[in-house]
Amino acid sequence: MTVYWWERLEQYISLAVTVTLGAAATSIGWLIRQVFTNQRQIELLREERRVADKLREEDRERMSKIESGVERIEGILMHGARK
């Protein structure tokens, strides 16, 4: 009867070790997946920021052209056409 008890104890210990290793492996896999997902999200945000910066610069150039055009029109209207 003692042998049977030790065999059951070995089975429970083996089961506990297996479950622990499985949980550890799953946790490590989850952590790695989270890190890579976060890296991808960070890179997407950086790319989005680069595009927004480029568009903002283009908008500034357009506004500058519009302002100079408005100033020319203003000059013509205020001082009359110079021929």
N, C-alpha and C. Protein backbone atom coordinates (compact mmCIF):
# COMPACT_ATOMS: atom_id res chain seq x y z
N MET A 1 0.81 -1.19 0.00
CA MET A 1 0.00 0.00 0.00
C MET A 1 0.86 1.26 0.00
N THR A 2 2.02 1.25 0.58
CA THR A 2 2.92 2.39 0.61
C THR A 2 3.41 2.74 -0.78
N VAL A 3 3.66 1.75 -1.61
CA VAL A 3 4.14 1.99 -2.97
C VAL A 3 3.08 2.74 -3.76
N TYR A 4 1.85 2.36 -3.58
CA TYR A 4 0.76 3.03 -4.29
C TYR A 4 0.70 4.51 -3.90
N TRP A 5 0.87 4.82 -2.62
CA TRP A 5 0.84 6.20 -2.14
C TRP A 5 1.96 7.02 -2.77
N TRP A 6 3.19 6.43 -2.84
CA TRP A 6 4.33 7.14 -3.44
C TRP A 6 4.10 7.36 -4.93
N GLU A 7 3.51 6.41 -5.60
CA GLU A 7 3.23 6.56 -7.03
C GLU A 7 2.25 7.72 -7.27
N ARG A 8 1.22 7.79 -6.43
CA ARG A 8 0.26 8.87 -6.55
C ARG A 8 0.93 10.23 -6.29
N LEU A 9 1.81 10.27 -5.28
CA LEU A 9 2.54 11.49 -4.97
C LEU A 9 3.41 11.90 -6.15
N GLU A 10 4.08 10.96 -6.78
CA GLU A 10 4.91 11.25 -7.96
C GLU A 10 4.05 11.80 -9.09
N GLN A 11 2.87 11.21 -9.28
CA GLN A 11 1.97 11.68 -10.33
C GLN A 11 1.55 13.13 -10.07
N TYR A 12 1.20 13.43 -8.82
CA TYR A 12 0.78 14.79 -8.47
C TYR A 12 1.94 15.79 -8.64
N ILE A 13 3.12 15.37 -8.25
CA ILE A 13 4.28 16.24 -8.42
C ILE A 13 4.56 16.47 -9.89
N SER A 14 4.50 15.40 -10.69
CA SER A 14 4.70 15.53 -12.14
C SER A 14 3.65 16.45 -12.75
N LEU A 15 2.41 16.29 -12.34
CA LEU A 15 1.33 17.14 -12.84
C LEU A 15 1.58 18.60 -12.46
N ALA A 16 1.97 18.85 -11.22
CA ALA A 16 2.24 20.22 -10.77
C ALA A 16 3.38 20.84 -11.56
N VAL A 17 4.45 20.08 -11.78
CA VAL A 17 5.59 20.59 -12.56
C VAL A 17 5.16 20.87 -13.99
N THR A 18 4.40 19.97 -14.58
CA THR A 18 3.95 20.14 -15.97
C THR A 18 3.06 21.38 -16.09
N VAL A 19 2.13 21.55 -15.16
CA VAL A 19 1.24 22.70 -15.19
C VAL A 19 2.04 23.99 -15.00
N THR A 20 2.99 23.97 -14.09
CA THR A 20 3.81 25.16 -13.84
C THR A 20 4.63 25.53 -15.07
N LEU A 21 5.26 24.52 -15.69
CA LEU A 21 6.05 24.80 -16.90
C LEU A 21 5.15 25.28 -18.04
N GLY A 22 3.98 24.69 -18.17
CA GLY A 22 3.05 25.13 -19.20
C GLY A 22 2.61 26.56 -18.99
N ALA A 23 2.30 26.91 -17.74
CA ALA A 23 1.89 28.28 -17.42
C ALA A 23 3.04 29.25 -17.68
N ALA A 24 4.26 28.85 -17.33
CA ALA A 24 5.42 29.73 -17.56
C ALA A 24 5.62 29.94 -19.06
N ALA A 25 5.53 28.86 -19.84
CA ALA A 25 5.71 28.98 -21.29
C ALA A 25 4.62 29.86 -21.90
N THR A 26 3.40 29.68 -21.45
CA THR A 26 2.30 30.51 -21.95
C THR A 26 2.51 31.97 -21.59
N SER A 27 2.95 32.22 -20.37
CA SER A 27 3.20 33.59 -19.93
C SER A 27 4.30 34.25 -20.74
N ILE A 28 5.36 33.52 -20.99
CA ILE A 28 6.47 34.05 -21.79
C ILE A 28 6.00 34.34 -23.21
N GLY A 29 5.21 33.42 -23.77
CA GLY A 29 4.67 33.65 -25.11
C GLY A 29 3.79 34.88 -25.17
N TRP A 30 2.94 35.04 -24.15
CA TRP A 30 2.07 36.21 -24.09
C TRP A 30 2.90 37.49 -23.99
N LEU A 31 3.93 37.46 -23.14
CA LEU A 31 4.77 38.64 -22.95
C LEU A 31 5.48 39.02 -24.25
N ILE A 32 6.02 38.04 -24.94
CA ILE A 32 6.71 38.31 -26.21
C ILE A 32 5.73 38.88 -27.22
N ARG A 33 4.53 38.31 -27.30
CA ARG A 33 3.53 38.81 -28.22
C ARG A 33 3.16 40.26 -27.90
N GLN A 34 3.02 40.58 -26.61
CA GLN A 34 2.70 41.94 -26.20
C GLN A 34 3.81 42.91 -26.59
N VAL A 35 5.05 42.51 -26.38
CA VAL A 35 6.17 43.38 -26.70
C VAL A 35 6.20 43.66 -28.20
N PHE A 36 6.06 42.61 -29.02
CA PHE A 36 6.09 42.82 -30.47
C PHE A 36 4.89 43.63 -30.93
N THR A 37 3.73 43.40 -30.34
CA THR A 37 2.55 44.17 -30.70
C THR A 37 2.76 45.63 -30.35
N ASN A 38 3.29 45.89 -29.17
CA ASN A 38 3.55 47.27 -28.77
C ASN A 38 4.58 47.92 -29.67
N GLN A 39 5.61 47.18 -30.06
CA GLN A 39 6.61 47.73 -30.97
C GLN A 39 5.97 48.11 -32.30
N ARG A 40 5.09 47.25 -32.82
CA ARG A 40 4.41 47.56 -34.07
C ARG A 40 3.53 48.80 -33.91
N GLN A 41 2.82 48.89 -32.80
CA GLN A 41 1.97 50.05 -32.58
C GLN A 41 2.79 51.32 -32.46
N ILE A 42 3.91 51.23 -31.78
CA ILE A 42 4.80 52.40 -31.65
C ILE A 42 5.31 52.82 -33.03
N GLU A 43 5.71 51.86 -33.83
CA GLU A 43 6.21 52.19 -35.18
C GLU A 43 5.10 52.79 -36.03
N LEU A 44 3.88 52.28 -35.92
CA LEU A 44 2.76 52.85 -36.66
C LEU A 44 2.49 54.29 -36.22
N LEU A 45 2.56 54.53 -34.92
CA LEU A 45 2.36 55.90 -34.43
C LEU A 45 3.47 56.83 -34.92
N ARG A 46 4.70 56.33 -34.96
CA ARG A 46 5.80 57.16 -35.47
C ARG A 46 5.59 57.50 -36.94
N GLU A 47 5.17 56.50 -37.72
CA GLU A 47 4.93 56.74 -39.14
C GLU A 47 3.78 57.73 -39.31
N GLU A 48 2.75 57.57 -38.52
CA GLU A 48 1.62 58.49 -38.57
C GLU A 48 2.07 59.92 -38.24
N ARG A 49 2.97 60.03 -37.28
CA ARG A 49 3.50 61.34 -36.88
C ARG A 49 4.33 61.95 -38.00
N ARG A 50 5.15 61.12 -38.66
CA ARG A 50 5.96 61.62 -39.78
C ARG A 50 5.07 62.16 -40.90
N VAL A 51 4.00 61.42 -41.22
CA VAL A 51 3.08 61.85 -42.27
C VAL A 51 2.41 63.17 -41.86
N ALA A 52 1.98 63.25 -40.60
CA ALA A 52 1.33 64.48 -40.13
C ALA A 52 2.28 65.66 -40.18
N ASP A 53 3.55 65.44 -39.81
CA ASP A 53 4.55 66.51 -39.87
C ASP A 53 4.75 66.99 -41.30
N LYS A 54 4.81 66.04 -42.23
CA LYS A 54 5.00 66.38 -43.65
C LYS A 54 3.80 67.19 -44.16
N LEU A 55 2.60 66.75 -43.82
CA LEU A 55 1.40 67.48 -44.25
C LEU A 55 1.35 68.87 -43.63
N ARG A 56 1.76 68.98 -42.39
CA ARG A 56 1.78 70.28 -41.71
C ARG A 56 2.76 71.22 -42.41
N GLU A 57 3.91 70.71 -42.80
CA GLU A 57 4.89 71.54 -43.50
C GLU A 57 4.35 71.99 -44.85
N GLU A 58 3.68 71.08 -45.56
CA GLU A 58 3.08 71.45 -46.85
C GLU A 58 2.00 72.52 -46.64
N ASP A 59 1.22 72.37 -45.59
CA ASP A 59 0.19 73.37 -45.29
C ASP A 59 0.81 74.73 -44.98
N ARG A 60 1.92 74.73 -44.26
CA ARG A 60 2.60 76.00 -43.96
C ARG A 60 3.07 76.68 -45.24
N GLU A 61 3.62 75.88 -46.16
CA GLU A 61 4.07 76.45 -47.43
C GLU A 61 2.89 77.04 -48.20
N ARG A 62 1.78 76.32 -48.24
CA ARG A 62 0.60 76.82 -48.94
C ARG A 62 0.09 78.11 -48.29
N MET A 63 0.04 78.13 -46.97
CA MET A 63 -0.42 79.34 -46.27
C MET A 63 0.50 80.51 -46.55
N SER A 64 1.78 80.26 -46.63
CA SER A 64 2.73 81.33 -46.93
C SER A 64 2.45 81.91 -48.32
N LYS A 65 2.20 81.02 -49.28
CA LYS A 65 1.88 81.49 -50.64
C LYS A 65 0.57 82.28 -50.64
N ILE A 66 -0.41 81.79 -49.91
CA ILE A 66 -1.70 82.48 -49.84
C ILE A 66 -1.52 83.86 -49.21
N GLU A 67 -0.75 83.93 -48.13
CA GLU A 67 -0.51 85.21 -47.46
C GLU A 67 0.18 86.20 -48.38
N SER A 68 1.18 85.73 -49.13
CA SER A 68 1.87 86.66 -50.03
C SER A 68 0.94 87.10 -51.16
N GLY A 69 0.06 86.21 -51.62
CA GLY A 69 -0.91 86.57 -52.65
C GLY A 69 -1.90 87.60 -52.12
N VAL A 70 -2.35 87.39 -50.89
CA VAL A 70 -3.29 88.34 -50.28
C VAL A 70 -2.61 89.70 -50.10
N GLU A 71 -1.36 89.71 -49.71
CA GLU A 71 -0.63 90.97 -49.55
C GLU A 71 -0.49 91.70 -50.88
N ARG A 72 -0.24 90.95 -51.96
CA ARG A 72 -0.15 91.59 -53.28
C ARG A 72 -1.49 92.18 -53.68
N ILE A 73 -2.56 91.40 -53.45
CA ILE A 73 -3.89 91.90 -53.80
C ILE A 73 -4.22 93.14 -52.97
N GLU A 74 -3.89 93.08 -51.69
CA GLU A 74 -4.11 94.21 -50.79
C GLU A 74 -3.36 95.45 -51.29
N GLY A 75 -2.12 95.23 -51.69
CA GLY A 75 -1.31 96.34 -52.21
C GLY A 75 -1.92 96.95 -53.45
N ILE A 76 -2.41 96.09 -54.31
CA ILE A 76 -3.02 96.59 -55.55
C ILE A 76 -4.29 97.37 -55.22
N LEU A 77 -5.09 96.83 -54.33
CA LEU A 77 -6.36 97.50 -54.00
C LEU A 77 -6.13 98.80 -53.24
N MET A 78 -5.14 98.82 -52.35
CA MET A 78 -4.89 100.01 -51.53
C MET A 78 -4.17 101.11 -52.32
N HIS A 79 -3.28 100.73 -53.16
CA HIS A 79 -2.46 101.73 -53.84
C HIS A 79 -2.80 101.87 -55.30
N GLY A 80 -3.74 101.14 -55.75
CA GLY A 80 -4.15 101.21 -57.14
C GLY A 80 -3.17 100.46 -58.03
N ALA A 81 -3.61 100.15 -59.18
CA ALA A 81 -2.77 99.42 -60.13
C ALA A 81 -1.69 100.34 -60.64
N ARG A 82 -0.47 99.88 -60.59
CA ARG A 82 0.66 100.68 -61.08
C ARG A 82 1.03 100.17 -62.45
N LYS A 83 0.93 101.04 -63.37
CA LYS A 83 1.24 100.64 -64.74
C LYS A 83 2.49 101.28 -65.22
